PDB file of N, CA and C in Angstrom:
ATOM      1  N   MET A   1     -31.838 112.882 -45.639  1.00  0.00           N
ATOM      2  CA  MET A   1     -30.457 113.332 -45.040  1.00  0.00           C
ATOM      3  C   MET A   1     -30.733 111.941 -44.074  1.00  0.00           C
ATOM      4  N   GLN A   2     -31.814 111.341 -43.508  1.00  0.00           N
ATOM      5  CA  GLN A   2     -31.785 110.105 -42.889  1.00  0.00           C
ATOM      6  C   GLN A   2     -31.279 109.097 -43.318  1.00  0.00           C
ATOM      7  N   THR A   3     -31.443 108.733 -44.906  1.00  0.00           N
ATOM      8  CA  THR A   3     -30.972 107.497 -45.705  1.00  0.00           C
ATOM      9  C   THR A   3     -29.246 107.814 -45.470  1.00  0.00           C
ATOM     10  N   LEU A   4     -28.584 108.855 -45.362  1.00  0.00           N
ATOM     11  CA  LEU A   4     -27.120 108.962 -45.297  1.00  0.00           C
ATOM     12  C   LEU A   4     -26.572 108.658 -43.627  1.00  0.00           C
ATOM     13  N   GLU A   5     -27.687 108.725 -42.623  1.00  0.00           N
ATOM     14  CA  GLU A   5     -27.283 108.761 -41.468  1.00  0.00           C
ATOM     15  C   GLU A   5     -27.898 107.148 -41.189  1.00  0.00           C
ATOM     16  N   PHE A   6     -28.593 106.334 -41.987  1.00  0.00           N
ATOM     17  CA  PHE A   6     -29.269 105.296 -41.641  1.00  0.00           C
ATOM     18  C   PHE A   6     -27.917 104.405 -42.211  1.00  0.00           C
ATOM     19  N   ALA A   7     -27.549 105.057 -43.323  1.00  0.00           N
ATOM     20  CA  ALA A   7     -26.477 103.963 -43.798  1.00  0.00           C
ATOM     21  C   ALA A   7     -24.972 104.170 -43.271  1.00  0.00           C
ATOM     22  N   ALA A   8     -24.713 105.347 -42.726  1.00  0.00           N
ATOM     23  CA  ALA A   8     -23.573 105.595 -41.885  1.00  0.00           C
ATOM     24  C   ALA A   8     -23.772 104.628 -40.381  1.00  0.00           C
ATOM     25  N   GLY A   9     -24.971 104.594 -40.071  1.00  0.00           N
ATOM     26  CA  GLY A   9     -25.162 104.036 -38.377  1.00  0.00           C
ATOM     27  C   GLY A   9     -25.067 102.333 -38.748  1.00  0.00           C
ATOM     28  N   THR A  10     -25.584 102.001 -39.871  1.00  0.00           N
ATOM     29  CA  THR A  10     -25.267 100.309 -40.211  1.00  0.00           C
ATOM     30  C   THR A  10     -24.014  99.996 -40.541  1.00  0.00           C
ATOM     31  N   GLN A  11     -23.361 101.069 -40.962  1.00  0.00           N
ATOM     32  CA  GLN A  11     -22.012 100.841 -41.415  1.00  0.00           C
ATOM     33  C   GLN A  11     -21.828  99.927 -42.506  1.00  0.00           C
ATOM     34  N   MET A  12     -22.808 100.166 -43.833  1.00  0.00           N
ATOM     35  CA  MET A  12     -23.012  99.259 -44.493  1.00  0.00           C
ATOM     36  C   MET A  12     -21.456  99.449 -45.557  1.00  0.00           C
ATOM     37  N   ALA A  13     -21.101  98.267 -45.934  1.00  0.00           N
ATOM     38  CA  ALA A  13     -20.061  98.174 -46.697  1.00  0.00           C
ATOM     39  C   ALA A  13     -20.176  98.315 -48.406  1.00  0.00           C
ATOM     40  N   ASP A  14     -19.244  99.041 -49.394  1.00  0.00           N
ATOM     41  CA  ASP A  14     -19.460  99.055 -50.507  1.00  0.00           C
ATOM     42  C   ASP A  14     -19.166  97.627 -50.957  1.00  0.00           C
ATOM     43  N   PRO A  15     -20.234  97.057 -51.515  1.00  0.00           N
ATOM     44  CA  PRO A  15     -19.777  95.655 -52.436  1.00  0.00           C
ATOM     45  C   PRO A  15     -19.057  95.334 -53.214  1.00  0.00           C
ATOM     46  N   LEU A  16     -18.202  96.579 -54.158  1.00  0.00           N
ATOM     47  CA  LEU A  16     -17.110  96.354 -55.043  1.00  0.00           C
ATOM     48  C   LEU A  16     -15.945  96.561 -54.231  1.00  0.00           C
ATOM     49  N   PRO A  17     -14.850  96.017 -54.422  1.00  0.00           N
ATOM     50  CA  PRO A  17     -13.654  96.191 -54.285  1.00  0.00           C
ATOM     51  C   PRO A  17     -12.951  97.501 -54.122  1.00  0.00           C
ATOM     52  N   ALA A  18     -12.519  97.933 -53.378  1.00  0.00           N
ATOM     53  CA  ALA A  18     -11.626  99.763 -53.753  1.00  0.00           C
ATOM     54  C   ALA A  18     -10.952 100.001 -55.034  1.00  0.00           C
ATOM     55  N   HIS A  19     -10.130  98.738 -54.913  1.00  0.00           N
ATOM     56  CA  HIS A  19      -9.316  99.191 -56.696  1.00  0.00           C
ATOM     57  C   HIS A  19     -10.381  99.318 -57.915  1.00  0.00           C
ATOM     58  N   ILE A  20     -11.275  98.583 -57.519  1.00  0.00           N
ATOM     59  CA  ILE A  20     -12.552  98.530 -59.059  1.00  0.00           C
ATOM     60  C   ILE A  20     -13.055  99.847 -59.133  1.00  0.00           C
ATOM     61  N   THR A  21     -13.782 100.535 -57.744  1.00  0.00           N
ATOM     62  CA  THR A  21     -14.374 101.688 -57.536  1.00  0.00           C
ATOM     63  C   THR A  21     -13.573 102.881 -57.866  1.00  0.00           C
ATOM     64  N   GLU A  22     -11.918 102.736 -57.209  1.00  0.00           N
ATOM     65  CA  GLU A  22     -11.370 103.984 -57.747  1.00  0.00           C
ATOM     66  C   GLU A  22     -11.031 103.971 -59.198  1.00  0.00           C
ATOM     67  N   GLY A  23     -10.445 102.978 -59.964  1.00  0.00           N
ATOM     68  CA  GLY A  23     -10.103 102.728 -61.061  1.00  0.00           C
ATOM     69  C   GLY A  23     -11.441 103.055 -62.155  1.00  0.00           C
ATOM     70  N   THR A  24     -12.667 102.780 -61.590  1.00  0.00           N
ATOM     71  CA  THR A  24     -13.614 103.423 -62.413  1.00  0.00           C
ATOM     72  C   THR A  24     -13.665 104.733 -62.710  1.00  0.00           C
ATOM     73  N   PHE A  25     -13.815 105.281 -60.976  1.00  0.00           N
ATOM     74  CA  PHE A  25     -13.676 106.835 -61.301  1.00  0.00           C
ATOM     75  C   PHE A  25     -12.569 107.270 -62.087  1.00  0.00           C
ATOM     76  N   ALA A  26     -11.750 106.832 -61.808  1.00  0.00           N
ATOM     77  CA  ALA A  26     -10.101 107.515 -62.971  1.00  0.00           C
ATOM     78  C   ALA A  26     -10.793 107.271 -64.152  1.00  0.00           C
ATOM     79  N   ALA A  27     -11.038 106.195 -64.507  1.00  0.00           N
ATOM     80  CA  ALA A  27     -11.422 106.029 -66.359  1.00  0.00           C
ATOM     81  C   ALA A  27     -12.343 107.167 -66.558  1.00  0.00           C
ATOM     82  N   GLN A  28     -13.503 107.207 -65.843  1.00  0.00           N
ATOM     83  CA  GLN A  28     -14.554 108.466 -66.270  1.00  0.00           C
ATOM     84  C   GLN A  28     -14.176 109.412 -66.040  1.00  0.00           C
ATOM     85  N   TYR A  29     -13.262 110.115 -65.245  1.00  0.00           N
ATOM     86  CA  TYR A  29     -12.510 111.371 -65.095  1.00  0.00           C
ATOM     87  C   TYR A  29     -11.774 111.785 -66.382  1.00  0.00           C
ATOM     88  N   LEU A  30     -10.689 110.545 -66.866  1.00  0.00           N
ATOM     89  CA  LEU A  30      -9.832 110.921 -68.018  1.00  0.00           C
ATOM     90  C   LEU A  30     -10.912 111.128 -69.277  1.00  0.00           C
ATOM     91  N   VAL A  31     -12.110 110.515 -69.423  1.00  0.00           N
ATOM     92  CA  VAL A  31     -12.713 110.405 -70.704  1.00  0.00           C
ATOM     93  C   VAL A  31     -13.652 111.737 -70.733  1.00  0.00           C
ATOM     94  N   LYS A  32     -14.103 112.417 -69.360  1.00  0.00           N
ATOM     95  CA  LYS A  32     -14.540 113.855 -69.242  1.00  0.00           C
ATOM     96  C   LYS A  32     -13.815 114.887 -69.764  1.00  0.00           C
ATOM     97  N   GLU A  33     -14.070 115.609 -70.493  1.00  0.00           N
ATOM     98  CA  GLU A  33     -13.481 116.379 -71.082  1.00  0.00           C
ATOM     99  C   GLU A  33     -13.755 118.117 -70.106  1.00  0.00           C
ATOM    100  N   ASP A  34     -14.916 118.304 -69.597  1.00  0.00           N
ATOM    101  CA  ASP A  34     -15.006 119.183 -68.931  1.00  0.00           C
ATOM    102  C   ASP A  34     -14.666 119.039 -66.975  1.00  0.00           C
ATOM    103  N   ASP A  35     -13.287 118.941 -66.724  1.00  0.00           N
ATOM    104  CA  ASP A  35     -13.533 118.629 -65.256  1.00  0.00           C
ATOM    105  C   ASP A  35     -12.448 119.518 -64.370  1.00  0.00           C
ATOM    106  N   SER A  36     -11.822 119.737 -63.471  1.00  0.00           N
ATOM    107  CA  SER A  36     -11.119 120.534 -62.688  1.00  0.00           C
ATOM    108  C   SER A  36     -10.301 121.422 -63.893  1.00  0.00           C
ATOM    109  N   ILE A  37      -9.429 120.927 -64.610  1.00  0.00           N
ATOM    110  CA  ILE A  37      -8.938 121.621 -65.731  1.00  0.00           C
ATOM    111  C   ILE A  37      -9.202 120.863 -67.008  1.00  0.00           C
ATOM    112  N   PRO A  38     -10.091 122.262 -67.765  1.00  0.00           N
ATOM    113  CA  PRO A  38     -10.703 121.561 -69.088  1.00  0.00           C
ATOM    114  C   PRO A  38      -9.466 120.930 -69.870  1.00  0.00           C
ATOM    115  N   ASP A  39      -9.833 119.556 -70.781  1.00  0.00           N
ATOM    116  CA  ASP A  39      -8.818 118.932 -71.492  1.00  0.00           C
ATOM    117  C   ASP A  39      -8.506 119.864 -72.568  1.00  0.00           C
ATOM    118  N   GLN A  40      -9.195 120.765 -73.066  1.00  0.00           N
ATOM    119  CA  GLN A  40      -8.746 121.450 -74.270  1.00  0.00           C
ATOM    120  C   GLN A  40      -7.475 122.658 -73.905  1.00  0.00           C
ATOM    121  N   ILE A  41      -7.392 122.807 -72.607  1.00  0.00           N
ATOM    122  CA  ILE A  41      -6.269 123.696 -72.497  1.00  0.00           C
ATOM    123  C   ILE A  41      -5.022 123.123 -72.934  1.00  0.00           C
ATOM    124  N   PRO A  42      -4.070 123.566 -73.624  1.00  0.00           N
ATOM    125  CA  PRO A  42      -3.091 122.752 -74.378  1.00  0.00           C
ATOM    126  C   PRO A  42      -1.970 122.837 -73.128  1.00  0.00           C
ATOM    127  N   GLY A  43      -1.138 121.660 -73.098  1.00  0.00           N
ATOM    128  CA  GLY A  43      -0.114 121.615 -72.276  1.00  0.00           C
ATOM    129  C   GLY A  43      -0.612 121.188 -70.587  1.00  0.00           C
ATOM    130  N   ALA A  44      -1.985 121.567 -70.277  1.00  0.00           N
ATOM    131  CA  ALA A  44      -2.255 121.666 -68.757  1.00  0.00           C
ATOM    132  C   ALA A  44      -3.623 120.966 -68.772  1.00  0.00           C
ATOM    133  N   GLY A  45      -4.286 120.561 -69.783  1.00  0.00           N
ATOM    134  CA  GLY A  45      -5.578 119.958 -69.748  1.00  0.00           C
ATOM    135  C   GLY A  45      -5.581 118.672 -69.168  1.00  0.00           C
ATOM    136  N   LEU A  46      -4.515 117.893 -69.711  1.00  0.00           N
ATOM    137  CA  LEU A  46      -4.525 116.172 -69.121  1.00  0.00           C
ATOM    138  C   LEU A  46      -3.672 116.174 -68.142  1.00  0.00           C
ATOM    139  N   ILE A  47      -3.370 117.145 -67.585  1.00  0.00           N
ATOM    140  CA  ILE A  47      -1.980 117.006 -66.226  1.00  0.00           C
ATOM    141  C   ILE A  47      -3.014 116.760 -65.006  1.00  0.00           C
ATOM    142  N   ASP A  48      -4.227 117.168 -64.793  1.00  0.00           N
ATOM    143  CA  ASP A  48      -5.130 116.556 -63.782  1.00  0.00           C
ATOM    144  C   ASP A  48      -5.267 115.156 -63.584  1.00  0.00           C
ATOM    145  N   ASP A  49      -5.863 114.939 -64.874  1.00  0.00           N
ATOM    146  CA  ASP A  49      -6.039 113.545 -65.399  1.00  0.00           C
ATOM    147  C   ASP A  49      -5.065 112.717 -65.120  1.00  0.00           C
ATOM    148  N   ALA A  50      -3.622 112.932 -65.618  1.00  0.00           N
ATOM    149  CA  ALA A  50      -2.260 112.021 -65.547  1.00  0.00           C
ATOM    150  C   ALA A  50      -2.474 112.154 -63.958  1.00  0.00           C
ATOM    151  N   ILE A  51      -2.019 113.138 -63.132  1.00  0.00           N
ATOM    152  CA  ILE A  51      -1.901 112.658 -61.436  1.00  0.00           C
ATOM    153  C   ILE A  51      -3.295 111.878 -60.610  1.00  0.00           C
ATOM    154  N   LEU A  52      -4.135 112.106 -61.027  1.00  0.00           N
ATOM    155  CA  LEU A  52      -5.412 111.091 -60.818  1.00  0.00           C
ATOM    156  C   LEU A  52      -5.192 109.519 -60.900  1.00  0.00           C
ATOM    157  N   ILE A  53      -4.708 109.380 -62.392  1.00  0.00           N
ATOM    158  CA  ILE A  53      -4.411 107.829 -62.694  1.00  0.00           C
ATOM    159  C   ILE A  53      -3.666 107.504 -61.952  1.00  0.00           C
ATOM    160  N   LYS A  54      -2.627 108.277 -61.791  1.00  0.00           N
ATOM    161  CA  LYS A  54      -1.242 107.771 -61.474  1.00  0.00           C
ATOM    162  C   LYS A  54      -1.185 107.440 -59.748  1.00  0.00           C
ATOM    163  N   ARG A  55      -2.238 108.463 -59.177  1.00  0.00           N
ATOM    164  CA  ARG A  55      -2.438 108.192 -57.600  1.00  0.00           C
ATOM    165  C   ARG A  55      -3.254 107.114 -57.319  1.00  0.00           C
ATOM    166  N   VAL A  56      -4.431 106.736 -58.178  1.00  0.00           N
ATOM    167  CA  VAL A  56      -5.088 105.703 -57.890  1.00  0.00           C
ATOM    168  C   VAL A  56      -4.354 104.434 -58.314  1.00  0.00           C
ATOM    169  N   PHE A  57      -3.488 104.387 -59.397  1.00  0.00           N
ATOM    170  CA  PHE A  57      -2.392 103.142 -59.598  1.00  0.00           C
ATOM    171  C   PHE A  57      -1.632 102.746 -58.543  1.00  0.00           C
ATOM    172  N   SER A  58      -0.949 103.791 -57.910  1.00  0.00           N
ATOM    173  CA  SER A  58      -0.132 103.662 -56.864  1.00  0.00           C
ATOM    174  C   SER A  58      -0.473 103.272 -55.336  1.00  0.00           C
ATOM    175  N   ARG A  59      -2.131 103.562 -55.076  1.00  0.00           N
ATOM    176  CA  ARG A  59      -2.672 102.969 -54.233  1.00  0.00           C
ATOM    177  C   ARG A  59      -3.266 101.630 -54.405  1.00  0.00           C
ATOM    178  N   ASN A  60      -3.313 101.409 -55.438  1.00  0.00           N
ATOM    179  CA  ASN A  60      -3.820  99.975 -55.887  1.00  0.00           C
ATOM    180  C   ASN A  60      -3.023  98.924 -56.739  1.00  0.00           C
ATOM    181  N   GLU A  61      -1.765  99.263 -56.653  1.00  0.00           N
ATOM    182  CA  GLU A  61      -0.907  98.896 -57.899  1.00  0.00           C
ATOM    183  C   GLU A  61      -0.970  96.991 -57.374  1.00  0.00           C
ATOM    184  N   THR A  62      -0.791  96.465 -56.308  1.00  0.00           N
ATOM    185  CA  THR A  62      -0.884  95.130 -56.242  1.00  0.00           C
ATOM    186  C   THR A  62      -2.108  94.756 -57.066  1.00  0.00           C
ATOM    187  N   GLU A  63      -3.259  94.864 -56.627  1.00  0.00           N
ATOM    188  CA  GLU A  63      -4.521  94.721 -57.034  1.00  0.00           C
ATOM    189  C   GLU A  63      -4.617  94.566 -58.816  1.00  0.00           C
ATOM    190  N   PHE A  64      -4.389  95.704 -58.848  1.00  0.00           N
ATOM    191  CA  PHE A  64      -4.169  96.071 -60.286  1.00  0.00           C
ATOM    192  C   PHE A  64      -3.136  94.887 -61.198  1.00  0.00           C
ATOM    193  N   MET A  65      -1.825  94.629 -60.493  1.00  0.00           N
ATOM    194  CA  MET A  65      -1.019  93.696 -60.909  1.00  0.00           C
ATOM    195  C   MET A  65      -1.689  92.308 -60.983  1.00  0.00           C
ATOM    196  N   TRP A  66      -2.371  91.830 -59.965  1.00  0.00           N
ATOM    197  CA  TRP A  66      -3.074  90.488 -60.008  1.00  0.00           C
ATOM    198  C   TRP A  66      -3.988  90.657 -61.436  1.00  0.00           C
ATOM    199  N   LEU A  67      -4.990  91.561 -61.441  1.00  0.00           N
ATOM    200  CA  LEU A  67      -6.008  91.728 -62.407  1.00  0.00           C
ATOM    201  C   LEU A  67      -5.019  91.796 -63.760  1.00  0.00           C
ATOM    202  N   GLU A  68      -4.292  91.996 -64.136  1.00  0.00           N
ATOM    203  CA  GLU A  68      -3.247  92.012 -65.503  1.00  0.00           C
ATOM    204  C   GLU A  68      -2.878  90.152 -65.316  1.00  0.00           C
ATOM    205  N   ILE A  69      -2.406  89.972 -64.241  1.00  0.00           N
ATOM    206  CA  ILE A  69      -1.919  88.602 -64.340  1.00  0.00           C
ATOM    207  C   ILE A  69      -2.837  87.490 -64.894  1.00  0.00           C
ATOM    208  N   LEU A  70      -4.480  87.644 -64.248  1.00  0.00           N
ATOM    209  CA  LEU A  70      -5.542  87.090 -64.215  1.00  0.00           C
ATOM    210  C   LEU A  70      -5.842  86.967 -65.638  1.00  0.00           C
ATOM    211  N   LEU A  71      -6.129  88.292 -66.218  1.00  0.00           N
ATOM    212  CA  LEU A  71      -6.534  88.732 -67.556  1.00  0.00           C
ATOM    213  C   LEU A  71      -5.489  88.148 -68.699  1.00  0.00           C
ATOM    214  N   ALA A  72      -4.329  87.848 -68.390  1.00  0.00           N
ATOM    215  CA  ALA A  72      -3.161  87.141 -69.431  1.00  0.00           C
ATOM    216  C   ALA A  72      -3.534  85.922 -69.303  1.00  0.00           C
ATOM    217  N   PHE A  73      -3.478  85.348 -67.841  1.00  0.00           N
ATOM    218  CA  PHE A  73      -4.265  83.892 -68.056  1.00  0.00           C
ATOM    219  C   PHE A  73      -5.022  83.573 -68.749  1.00  0.00           C
ATOM    220  N   ALA A  74      -6.220  84.180 -68.382  1.00  0.00           N
ATOM    221  CA  ALA A  74      -7.376  83.661 -69.004  1.00  0.00           C
ATOM    222  C   ALA A  74      -7.516  84.069 -70.503  1.00  0.00           C
ATOM    223  N   SER A  75      -6.883  84.856 -71.204  1.00  0.00           N
ATOM    224  CA  SER A  75      -6.799  84.960 -72.506  1.00  0.00           C
ATOM    225  C   SER A  75      -5.598  84.038 -73.164  1.00  0.00           C
ATOM    226  N   SER A  76      -4.693  83.494 -72.580  1.00  0.00           N
ATOM    227  CA  SER A  76      -3.911  82.307 -73.193  1.00  0.00           C
ATOM    228  C   SER A  76      -4.541  80.926 -73.669  1.00  0.00           C
ATOM    229  N   PRO A  77      -4.349  80.619 -74.859  1.00  0.00           N
ATOM    230  CA  PRO A  77      -4.607  79.531 -75.295  1.00  0.00           C
ATOM    231  C   PRO A  77      -4.252  78.447 -74.156  1.00  0.00           C
ATOM    232  N   GLN A  78      -5.621  77.500 -74.375  1.00  0.00           N
ATOM    233  CA  GLN A  78      -5.252  76.357 -73.463  1.00  0.00           C
ATOM    234  C   GLN A  78      -4.692  75.319 -74.091  1.00  0.00           C
ATOM    235  N   ASN A  79      -3.884  74.494 -73.616  1.00  0.00           N
ATOM    236  CA  ASN A  79      -3.545  73.392 -74.446  1.00  0.00           C
ATOM    237  C   ASN A  79      -4.173  72.037 -74.189  1.00  0.00           C
TER     238      ASN A  79
END
């Protein structure tokens, strides 16, 4: 408990950008089979996954678009 209070008291910032953290969480949730609604349930198993992915993308759309542009530029052949 003291560790949590110390972190809150010093207002430590997460070193990763929010879009990376949220995107990683969403990707891990997607591949996890036993989540809020198990993925084995036909027709409903992937709905919670899709809702989470959509929410994370909509919250961080600008950052993800910039990441896509940077990756496309980095992978293009240099003349």
